[in-house]
Structures are given as structure tokens and as C-alpha cells.
Amino acid sequence: RGTRRRRNLQNESTLVDREALVNTTDASSADRPGVVSPEARTALIDQYDCLLLDLDGVVYRSKDAVPNAVEAIQAARDRGIRSMFVTNNASRAAADVAAHLCEFGLDVSAADVITSSMVAAQLLRDTIGGTCTVLPVGGPGLAATLRAAGFTLVTSATDVPAAVVQGYGPDVGWKNLAEAGYAIQAGALWVATNTDATIPTARGFAPGNGQLVAAVRAVAGKDPLVAGKPEPAPFWQAAAAAGGSAPLVVGDRLDTDIAGGKAAGHATVLVLTGVDRTDSLLAAAPQRRPTYIVPDLSALFEPAPDGDIIRGNDEDSDPDPCDLLRATCALLWQEQDRGGAPPAVSPRVRRLLP
């Protein structure tokens, strides 16, 4: 099918089947590697009715918009496809996140944003059966979200809170963590907005909420209930808010965005504009494998490739790097799932991968 491109990729006759690239789900799914569905010949985005987008690495990086991201989100809106923004960042309220996105030229309101603080508030309400007194540990966005949800906030374990909700905040210190530990040891329910080990900053990666949770765990002797990605609840909540029945999860991290989207039962896209790229994709466990791999958000408006075959000693032309990555992932994942040793990726192929 499709156009056959050839290049001498390996000395051995290794098959790299790009017909497996259109949909790179694991072999147990309905759209397994090697099957090209008729829908794949239309624009990828036209199979879905809402986008559930991560922020950092997908929409922006630090103070700059990711190339083609803003234009793609606006084009989706023109098609009648609503975009929801799903973030594990608990330090800012939804309105603040929306205002930040508007700075990039997007038309976004608080109703288009789901933060892990919002999901934590819903998780706590569902677990307690209503509202209660809460000791918040995190940034101002966490406290504002809990207060807006009807919870009564306290500042110390001596106030005997019924629950502790812990999220990232750049000013969280020893005293905050100690008060959380005291309250949990006294019987308070413990909810963490997320357990991300790191957060991206303009200077590199910094310790995330997962590191702060680990400090409290050391004294609490137990694990918290976790609200944010990779739990499925943020995606269920976002899809419900969008009114969508066929959501597409878009992210740049396999361990949170893709794993969470798959846990929620949704199709997933990994964009190669953020954290996870070739090496992590090739080694991805089944629960972290995306349905699609795209170079950036503009590729959502292109038909998925119709298939191609590249064999050893083929020499006509270079394959598209993203196509080659999809093919290599499909081949390696298929062999891993069969229980065999995955085929080696030659240095020549690796040089062509994005």
C-alpha cells in the first residue's frame, strides 16, 4: 500500500513495516500494528470531538509557544473541536492558567482548564461524601480551588483537619510538610494532587510534588490518594466538561499524559516537542505506548500515512524521520509483546530517527 521508499538501512534484511505506523497501539487493541483503518485516510483530528491537552511541552515551553501549537488549537476550534487543558500543576488556579494561555493568543477561559487541584477537590468530596476541614499544603492556587469547592481551610494540625491535600508550591517548606505529617499521623485523610518527580523550569528540571510527597510519606508511614495524571480522573473530568464522546489526549510525557489517557480509555498522541522522545518511546511498556506519534500539533490535521515498507538494502530515498520512528516502535513493541528479544536498531537507522 502507499508509496514504497527504499534505502540501505541495514546490512541484514530487517523488515520495517510502515503499515504499522498509522496506529501504533499495542497488539491487543482493535487497531493493532499492521492494520490501516479507513478512517486513517482522513485528517487524524476528524476522528475525535475534543482535545485534552497537556501544557508544558505541548502548548508552550517556558515563556514561548511551541511551534505550530497555537495555530493548531485555533484550527481545531474552527472545526468545532473544543480544546481542554489538563495540567498536573496545582500551584495556579484555573483562571490563572487560562490567563497565561491567553497571553499566547488563545481564547481560553477557566472553564477550559482542569488542574490537579480541581481533581483533588472532587476526589476528596467523593471520598468524604461532602465537604470538610482541610489543611492545604501547596501554592495559592490549591487553597483557592479548595475554598471555591466549599472546603473549610485550616493552617495547622492542631486545628484537627479531616483531610490534608498536598500539591506543589515553590514556597512549600519544612514547616508545611511537618504540619501535614502531624495531621496525617493523627488520622487525617491524605490526598496528593500528583506525584510528578520533576517539574520543568526555564533552567532545567526541578524537584516536583512527588519529592515533597515522599518527605511526608516518610513520617506518615502510608501512601496518599492521588488525583492527577497518570490517574484517569483528570481525563474523565475534562472530557465531561467538554461534552465530548470521542476525546483525544495529547501530551509529551509517557508516564503521565499517555499512561493516564490510556487508563481513561482514550486515544492518545505523543508530540515530539517535549520530554519524551526516541529512546523512551522505543523502550515504552504497553501501558505507556501512545496511539499516535506526531512531530507537533500541526500533524493532527494531516492524514495518517497509508503504509510503506523499508527493507535492508533498499536504496531509493530517505524515509520521513517520524514515519521511521513509528515503524521502529511498532516492530520493537510487537517483538517485546511476543516475549522475544527485540531486534537491534542499527546505528544507521538511529541517525535517521527524530
Foldseek 3Di string as FASTA:
>chain_A
DADAAEAQQDQAWDKQKLLQALWQADQVDPSHGNDDDPVLQAQLLVVWQEEEEEDDLFQAPALGGQPPRQVLQVVCVVVNRYYAYEYAAQQAALQVVQVSSVVNVDNGGSLRYDYLLLQQLVVVCVVVVHEWEEEEFEHPSNVVNNVVRPHHYDHALVVQTQAYEYAYHPPGDDVSLVRNLSNLLVPHAYEYSAQDQWDAHPVGIDGGRNVSQVVSCVRNVDHHHYRAFLAQRSVVVNCVSSVIDAYEFEDADLRGRQLSCVNNVHAYEHAPRDDDFQPCLLVDDNSRHHRHYYPGSVSSRHRRDNMYMYTRPTNRDDDQQRSLSSSSSSQQSNCVVVVHHGDDRDPSNVVSHD
